Amino acid sequence: GASTAWRKGLPDFGEELADVAIYVTALAE
């Protein structure tokens, strides 16, 4: 989703990156 948002220049790219960080954080937990 983050890759698609970046590729398409979508305004929610930052939000998509936040989702990635949240999942990585959850895996660590």
All heavy atoms as atom14 arrays in JSON, in Angstrom:
{
  "sequence": "GASTAWRKGLPDFGEELADVAIYVTALAE",
  "atom14_mask": [
    [1, 1, 1, 1, 0, 0, 0, 0, 0, 0, 0, 0, 0, 0],
    [1, 1, 1, 1, 1, 0, 0, 0, 0, 0, 0, 0, 0, 0],
    [1, 1, 1, 1, 1, 1, 0, 0, 0, 0, 0, 0, 0, 0],
    [1, 1, 1, 1, 1, 1, 1, 0, 0, 0, 0, 0, 0, 0],
    [1, 1, 1, 1, 1, 0, 0, 0, 0, 0, 0, 0, 0, 0],
    [1, 1, 1, 1, 1, 1, 1, 1, 1, 1, 1, 1, 1, 1],
    [1, 1, 1, 1, 1, 1, 1, 1, 1, 1, 1, 0, 0, 0],
    [1, 1, 1, 1, 1, 1, 1, 1, 1, 0, 0, 0, 0, 0],
    [1, 1, 1, 1, 0, 0, 0, 0, 0, 0, 0, 0, 0, 0],
    [1, 1, 1, 1, 1, 1, 1, 1, 0, 0, 0, 0, 0, 0],
    [1, 1, 1, 1, 1, 1, 1, 0, 0, 0, 0, 0, 0, 0],
    [1, 1, 1, 1, 1, 1, 1, 1, 0, 0, 0, 0, 0, 0],
    [1, 1, 1, 1, 1, 1, 1, 1, 1, 1, 1, 0, 0, 0],
    [1, 1, 1, 1, 0, 0, 0, 0, 0, 0, 0, 0, 0, 0],
    [1, 1, 1, 1, 1, 1, 1, 1, 1, 0, 0, 0, 0, 0],
    [1, 1, 1, 1, 1, 1, 1, 1, 1, 0, 0, 0, 0, 0],
    [1, 1, 1, 1, 1, 1, 1, 1, 0, 0, 0, 0, 0, 0],
    [1, 1, 1, 1, 1, 0, 0, 0, 0, 0, 0, 0, 0, 0],
    [1, 1, 1, 1, 1, 1, 1, 1, 0, 0, 0, 0, 0, 0],
    [1, 1, 1, 1, 1, 1, 1, 0, 0, 0, 0, 0, 0, 0],
    [1, 1, 1, 1, 1, 0, 0, 0, 0, 0, 0, 0, 0, 0],
    [1, 1, 1, 1, 1, 1, 1, 1, 0, 0, 0, 0, 0, 0],
    [1, 1, 1, 1, 1, 1, 1, 1, 1, 1, 1, 1, 0, 0],
    [1, 1, 1, 1, 1, 1, 1, 0, 0, 0, 0, 0, 0, 0],
    [1, 1, 1, 1, 1, 1, 1, 0, 0, 0, 0, 0, 0, 0],
    [1, 1, 1, 1, 1, 0, 0, 0, 0, 0, 0, 0, 0, 0],
    [1, 1, 1, 1, 1, 1, 1, 1, 0, 0, 0, 0, 0, 0],
    [1, 1, 1, 1, 1, 0, 0, 0, 0, 0, 0, 0, 0, 0],
    [1, 1, 1, 1, 1, 1, 1, 1, 1, 0, 0, 0, 0, 0]
  ],
  "atom14_positions": [
    [[0.83, -1.22, 0.0], [0.0, 0.0, 0.0], [0.85, 1.26, 0.0], [0.54, 2.23, -0.7], [0.0, 0.0, 0.0], [0.0, 0.0, 0.0], [0.0, 0.0, 0.0], [0.0, 0.0, 0.0], [0.0, 0.0, 0.0], [0.0, 0.0, 0.0], [0.0, 0.0, 0.0], [0.0, 0.0, 0.0], [0.0, 0.0, 0.0], [0.0, 0.0, 0.0]],
    [[1.93, 1.24, 0.76], [2.83, 2.4, 0.79], [3.52, 2.59, -0.55], [3.64, 3.71, -1.05], [3.87, 2.23, 1.9], [0.0, 0.0, 0.0], [0.0, 0.0, 0.0], [0.0, 0.0, 0.0], [0.0, 0.0, 0.0], [0.0, 0.0, 0.0], [0.0, 0.0, 0.0], [0.0, 0.0, 0.0], [0.0, 0.0, 0.0], [0.0, 0.0, 0.0]],
    [[3.94, 1.49, -1.16], [4.58, 1.57, -2.48], [3.62, 2.15, -3.52], [3.99, 3.0, -4.32], [5.05, 0.17, -2.9], [5.58, 0.2, -4.2], [0.0, 0.0, 0.0], [0.0, 0.0, 0.0], [0.0, 0.0, 0.0], [0.0, 0.0, 0.0], [0.0, 0.0, 0.0], [0.0, 0.0, 0.0], [0.0, 0.0, 0.0], [0.0, 0.0, 0.0]],
    [[2.39, 1.69, -3.48], [1.38, 2.19, -4.43], [1.14, 3.68, -4.21], [1.06, 4.45, -5.17], [0.07, 1.4, -4.29], [0.33, 0.04, -4.63], [-1.02, 1.96, -5.19], [0.0, 0.0, 0.0], [0.0, 0.0, 0.0], [0.0, 0.0, 0.0], [0.0, 0.0, 0.0], [0.0, 0.0, 0.0], [0.0, 0.0, 0.0], [0.0, 0.0, 0.0]],
    [[1.0, 4.09, -2.94], [0.76, 5.5, -2.64], [1.92, 6.36, -3.13], [1.7, 7.45, -3.7], [0.55, 5.68, -1.14], [0.0, 0.0, 0.0], [0.0, 0.0, 0.0], [0.0, 0.0, 0.0], [0.0, 0.0, 0.0], [0.0, 0.0, 0.0], [0.0, 0.0, 0.0], [0.0, 0.0, 0.0], [0.0, 0.0, 0.0], [0.0, 0.0, 0.0]],
    [[3.14, 5.88, -2.95], [4.3, 6.64, -3.44], [4.32, 6.7, -4.96], [4.49, 7.76, -5.55], [5.59, 5.98, -2.92], [6.81, 6.56, -3.57], [7.4, 7.75, -3.29], [7.54, 5.99, -4.65], [8.47, 7.95, -4.12], [8.58, 6.88, -4.97], [7.43, 4.79, -5.38], [9.5, 6.62, -5.97], [8.35, 4.54, -6.37], [9.37, 5.44, -6.67]],
    [[4.12, 5.53, -5.59], [4.18, 5.46, -7.05], [3.13, 6.35, -7.7], [3.4, 6.99, -8.72], [3.97, 4.0, -7.48], [4.18, 3.73, -8.95], [4.15, 2.25, -9.28], [3.19, 1.44, -8.54], [1.9, 1.31, -8.85], [1.41, 1.96, -9.88], [1.11, 0.53, -8.14], [0.0, 0.0, 0.0], [0.0, 0.0, 0.0], [0.0, 0.0, 0.0]],
    [[1.95, 6.41, -7.1], [0.86, 7.2, -7.68], [0.83, 8.63, -7.16], [-0.03, 9.41, -7.57], [-0.47, 6.52, -7.39], [-0.64, 5.2, -8.11], [-2.01, 4.61, -7.87], [-2.2, 3.35, -8.71], [-3.56, 2.8, -8.53], [0.0, 0.0, 0.0], [0.0, 0.0, 0.0], [0.0, 0.0, 0.0], [0.0, 0.0, 0.0], [0.0, 0.0, 0.0]],
    [[1.76, 8.97, -6.27], [1.79, 10.32, -5.73], [0.57, 10.65, -4.88], [0.12, 11.79, -4.88], [0.0, 0.0, 0.0], [0.0, 0.0, 0.0], [0.0, 0.0, 0.0], [0.0, 0.0, 0.0], [0.0, 0.0, 0.0], [0.0, 0.0, 0.0], [0.0, 0.0, 0.0], [0.0, 0.0, 0.0], [0.0, 0.0, 0.0], [0.0, 0.0, 0.0]],
    [[0.05, 9.66, -4.19], [-1.16, 9.87, -3.39], [-0.85, 10.65, -2.11], [0.25, 10.54, -1.56], [-1.8, 8.52, -3.04], [-2.22, 7.66, -4.23], [-2.76, 6.31, -3.75], [-3.25, 8.39, -5.07], [0.0, 0.0, 0.0], [0.0, 0.0, 0.0], [0.0, 0.0, 0.0], [0.0, 0.0, 0.0], [0.0, 0.0, 0.0], [0.0, 0.0, 0.0]],
    [[-1.81, 11.42, -1.64], [-1.58, 12.24, -0.45], [-1.46, 11.44, 0.85], [-1.01, 11.99, 1.85], [-2.8, 13.16, -0.41], [-3.86, 12.42, -1.15], [-3.14, 11.63, -2.21], [0.0, 0.0, 0.0], [0.0, 0.0, 0.0], [0.0, 0.0, 0.0], [0.0, 0.0, 0.0], [0.0, 0.0, 0.0], [0.0, 0.0, 0.0], [0.0, 0.0, 0.0]],
    [[-1.85, 10.17, 0.83], [-1.8, 9.37, 2.06], [-0.52, 8.54, 2.19], [-0.47, 7.61, 2.99], [-3.03, 8.49, 2.19], [-3.13, 7.44, 1.1], [-2.47, 7.6, 0.04], [-3.86, 6.45, 1.29], [0.0, 0.0, 0.0], [0.0, 0.0, 0.0], [0.0, 0.0, 0.0], [0.0, 0.0, 0.0], [0.0, 0.0, 0.0], [0.0, 0.0, 0.0]],
    [[0.51, 8.89, 1.45], [1.77, 8.15, 1.52], [2.31, 8.1, 2.94], [2.71, 7.04, 3.44], [2.8, 8.75, 0.56], [4.15, 8.12, 0.64], [4.32, 6.76, 0.44], [5.27, 8.89, 0.91], [5.58, 6.16, 0.51], [6.53, 8.3, 0.98], [6.68, 6.95, 0.79], [0.0, 0.0, 0.0], [0.0, 0.0, 0.0], [0.0, 0.0, 0.0]],
    [[2.3, 9.23, 3.64], [2.79, 9.27, 5.02], [1.98, 8.36, 5.92], [2.54, 7.66, 6.78], [0.0, 0.0, 0.0], [0.0, 0.0, 0.0], [0.0, 0.0, 0.0], [0.0, 0.0, 0.0], [0.0, 0.0, 0.0], [0.0, 0.0, 0.0], [0.0, 0.0, 0.0], [0.0, 0.0, 0.0], [0.0, 0.0, 0.0], [0.0, 0.0, 0.0]],
    [[0.68, 8.33, 5.74], [-0.18, 7.46, 6.52], [0.14, 5.99, 6.24], [0.15, 5.16, 7.16], [-1.64, 7.75, 6.2], [-2.63, 6.96, 7.01], [-4.07, 7.37, 6.73], [-4.32, 8.54, 6.42], [-4.92, 6.47, 6.81], [0.0, 0.0, 0.0], [0.0, 0.0, 0.0], [0.0, 0.0, 0.0], [0.0, 0.0, 0.0], [0.0, 0.0, 0.0]],
    [[0.41, 5.67, 5.0], [0.78, 4.3, 4.64], [2.1, 3.9, 5.29], [2.26, 2.78, 5.77], [0.83, 4.14, 3.13], [-0.5, 4.3, 2.42], [-1.51, 3.2, 2.78], [-1.1, 2.12, 3.25], [-2.71, 3.44, 2.57], [0.0, 0.0, 0.0], [0.0, 0.0, 0.0], [0.0, 0.0, 0.0], [0.0, 0.0, 0.0], [0.0, 0.0, 0.0]],
    [[3.06, 4.82, 5.31], [4.32, 4.53, 5.99], [4.1, 4.33, 7.49], [4.73, 3.46, 8.11], [5.32, 5.67, 5.78], [5.98, 5.76, 4.4], [6.91, 6.96, 4.35], [6.73, 4.48, 4.06], [0.0, 0.0, 0.0], [0.0, 0.0, 0.0], [0.0, 0.0, 0.0], [0.0, 0.0, 0.0], [0.0, 0.0, 0.0], [0.0, 0.0, 0.0]],
    [[3.18, 5.11, 8.06], [2.85, 4.94, 9.48], [2.29, 3.54, 9.73], [2.62, 2.9, 10.74], [1.87, 6.01, 9.93], [0.0, 0.0, 0.0], [0.0, 0.0, 0.0], [0.0, 0.0, 0.0], [0.0, 0.0, 0.0], [0.0, 0.0, 0.0], [0.0, 0.0, 0.0], [0.0, 0.0, 0.0], [0.0, 0.0, 0.0], [0.0, 0.0, 0.0]],
    [[1.44, 3.05, 8.83], [0.9, 1.7, 8.96], [2.03, 0.67, 8.98], [2.02, -0.27, 9.78], [-0.06, 1.38, 7.82], [-1.4, 2.05, 7.96], [-1.77, 2.45, 9.09], [-2.11, 2.19, 6.93], [0.0, 0.0, 0.0], [0.0, 0.0, 0.0], [0.0, 0.0, 0.0], [0.0, 0.0, 0.0], [0.0, 0.0, 0.0], [0.0, 0.0, 0.0]],
    [[3.02, 0.84, 8.11], [4.16, -0.08, 8.07], [4.88, -0.06, 9.42], [5.18, -1.12, 9.99], [5.12, 0.29, 6.92], [6.42, -0.5, 7.01], [4.44, 0.06, 5.56], [0.0, 0.0, 0.0], [0.0, 0.0, 0.0], [0.0, 0.0, 0.0], [0.0, 0.0, 0.0], [0.0, 0.0, 0.0], [0.0, 0.0, 0.0], [0.0, 0.0, 0.0]],
    [[5.13, 1.12, 9.93], [5.83, 1.25, 11.21], [5.02, 0.6, 12.34], [5.59, -0.06, 13.22], [6.09, 2.72, 11.54], [0.0, 0.0, 0.0], [0.0, 0.0, 0.0], [0.0, 0.0, 0.0], [0.0, 0.0, 0.0], [0.0, 0.0, 0.0], [0.0, 0.0, 0.0], [0.0, 0.0, 0.0], [0.0, 0.0, 0.0], [0.0, 0.0, 0.0]],
    [[3.72, 0.74, 12.31], [2.86, 0.14, 13.34], [2.96, -1.38, 13.31], [3.08, -2.03, 14.35], [1.41, 0.63, 13.18], [1.32, 2.1, 13.6], [0.45, -0.23, 13.98], [0.03, 2.78, 13.19], [0.0, 0.0, 0.0], [0.0, 0.0, 0.0], [0.0, 0.0, 0.0], [0.0, 0.0, 0.0], [0.0, 0.0, 0.0], [0.0, 0.0, 0.0]],
    [[2.94, -1.96, 12.12], [3.06, -3.42, 12.01], [4.44, -3.9, 12.44], [4.56, -4.94, 13.1], [2.72, -3.9, 10.6], [1.23, -4.08, 10.42], [0.45, -3.07, 9.89], [0.6, -5.26, 10.81], [-0.92, -3.23, 9.76], [-0.77, -5.42, 10.68], [-1.52, -4.4, 10.15], [-2.88, -4.55, 10.03], [0.0, 0.0, 0.0], [0.0, 0.0, 0.0]],
    [[5.49, -3.18, 12.11], [6.84, -3.56, 12.54], [6.92, -3.5, 14.06], [7.47, -4.4, 14.71], [7.9, -2.67, 11.87], [9.27, -2.87, 12.51], [7.97, -2.96, 10.38], [0.0, 0.0, 0.0], [0.0, 0.0, 0.0], [0.0, 0.0, 0.0], [0.0, 0.0, 0.0], [0.0, 0.0, 0.0], [0.0, 0.0, 0.0], [0.0, 0.0, 0.0]],
    [[6.36, -2.45, 14.63], [6.35, -2.31, 16.08], [5.6, -3.46, 16.74], [6.03, -4.0, 17.77], [5.72, -0.96, 16.48], [6.48, 0.09, 15.87], [5.72, -0.75, 17.97], [0.0, 0.0, 0.0], [0.0, 0.0, 0.0], [0.0, 0.0, 0.0], [0.0, 0.0, 0.0], [0.0, 0.0, 0.0], [0.0, 0.0, 0.0], [0.0, 0.0, 0.0]],
    [[4.47, -3.84, 16.15], [3.68, -4.96, 16.69], [4.48, -6.26, 16.64], [4.44, -7.04, 17.6], [2.37, -5.1, 15.93], [0.0, 0.0, 0.0], [0.0, 0.0, 0.0], [0.0, 0.0, 0.0], [0.0, 0.0, 0.0], [0.0, 0.0, 0.0], [0.0, 0.0, 0.0], [0.0, 0.0, 0.0], [0.0, 0.0, 0.0], [0.0, 0.0, 0.0]],
    [[5.19, -6.49, 15.55], [6.01, -7.7, 15.45], [7.08, -7.72, 16.54], [7.31, -8.76, 17.17], [6.68, -7.78, 14.08], [5.82, -8.39, 12.98], [6.42, -8.09, 11.62], [5.68, -9.89, 13.2], [0.0, 0.0, 0.0], [0.0, 0.0, 0.0], [0.0, 0.0, 0.0], [0.0, 0.0, 0.0], [0.0, 0.0, 0.0], [0.0, 0.0, 0.0]],
    [[7.71, -6.59, 16.78], [8.71, -6.53, 17.84], [8.08, -6.83, 19.18], [8.64, -7.6, 19.99], [9.37, -5.15, 17.85], [0.0, 0.0, 0.0], [0.0, 0.0, 0.0], [0.0, 0.0, 0.0], [0.0, 0.0, 0.0], [0.0, 0.0, 0.0], [0.0, 0.0, 0.0], [0.0, 0.0, 0.0], [0.0, 0.0, 0.0], [0.0, 0.0, 0.0]],
    [[6.91, -6.28, 19.45], [6.21, -6.53, 20.71], [5.85, -8.01, 20.85], [6.04, -8.61, 21.9], [4.95, -5.67, 20.78], [4.2, -5.78, 22.07], [4.89, -5.1, 23.25], [5.7, -4.18, 23.04], [4.63, -5.52, 24.39], [0.0, 0.0, 0.0], [0.0, 0.0, 0.0], [0.0, 0.0, 0.0], [0.0, 0.0, 0.0], [0.0, 0.0, 0.0]]
  ]
}
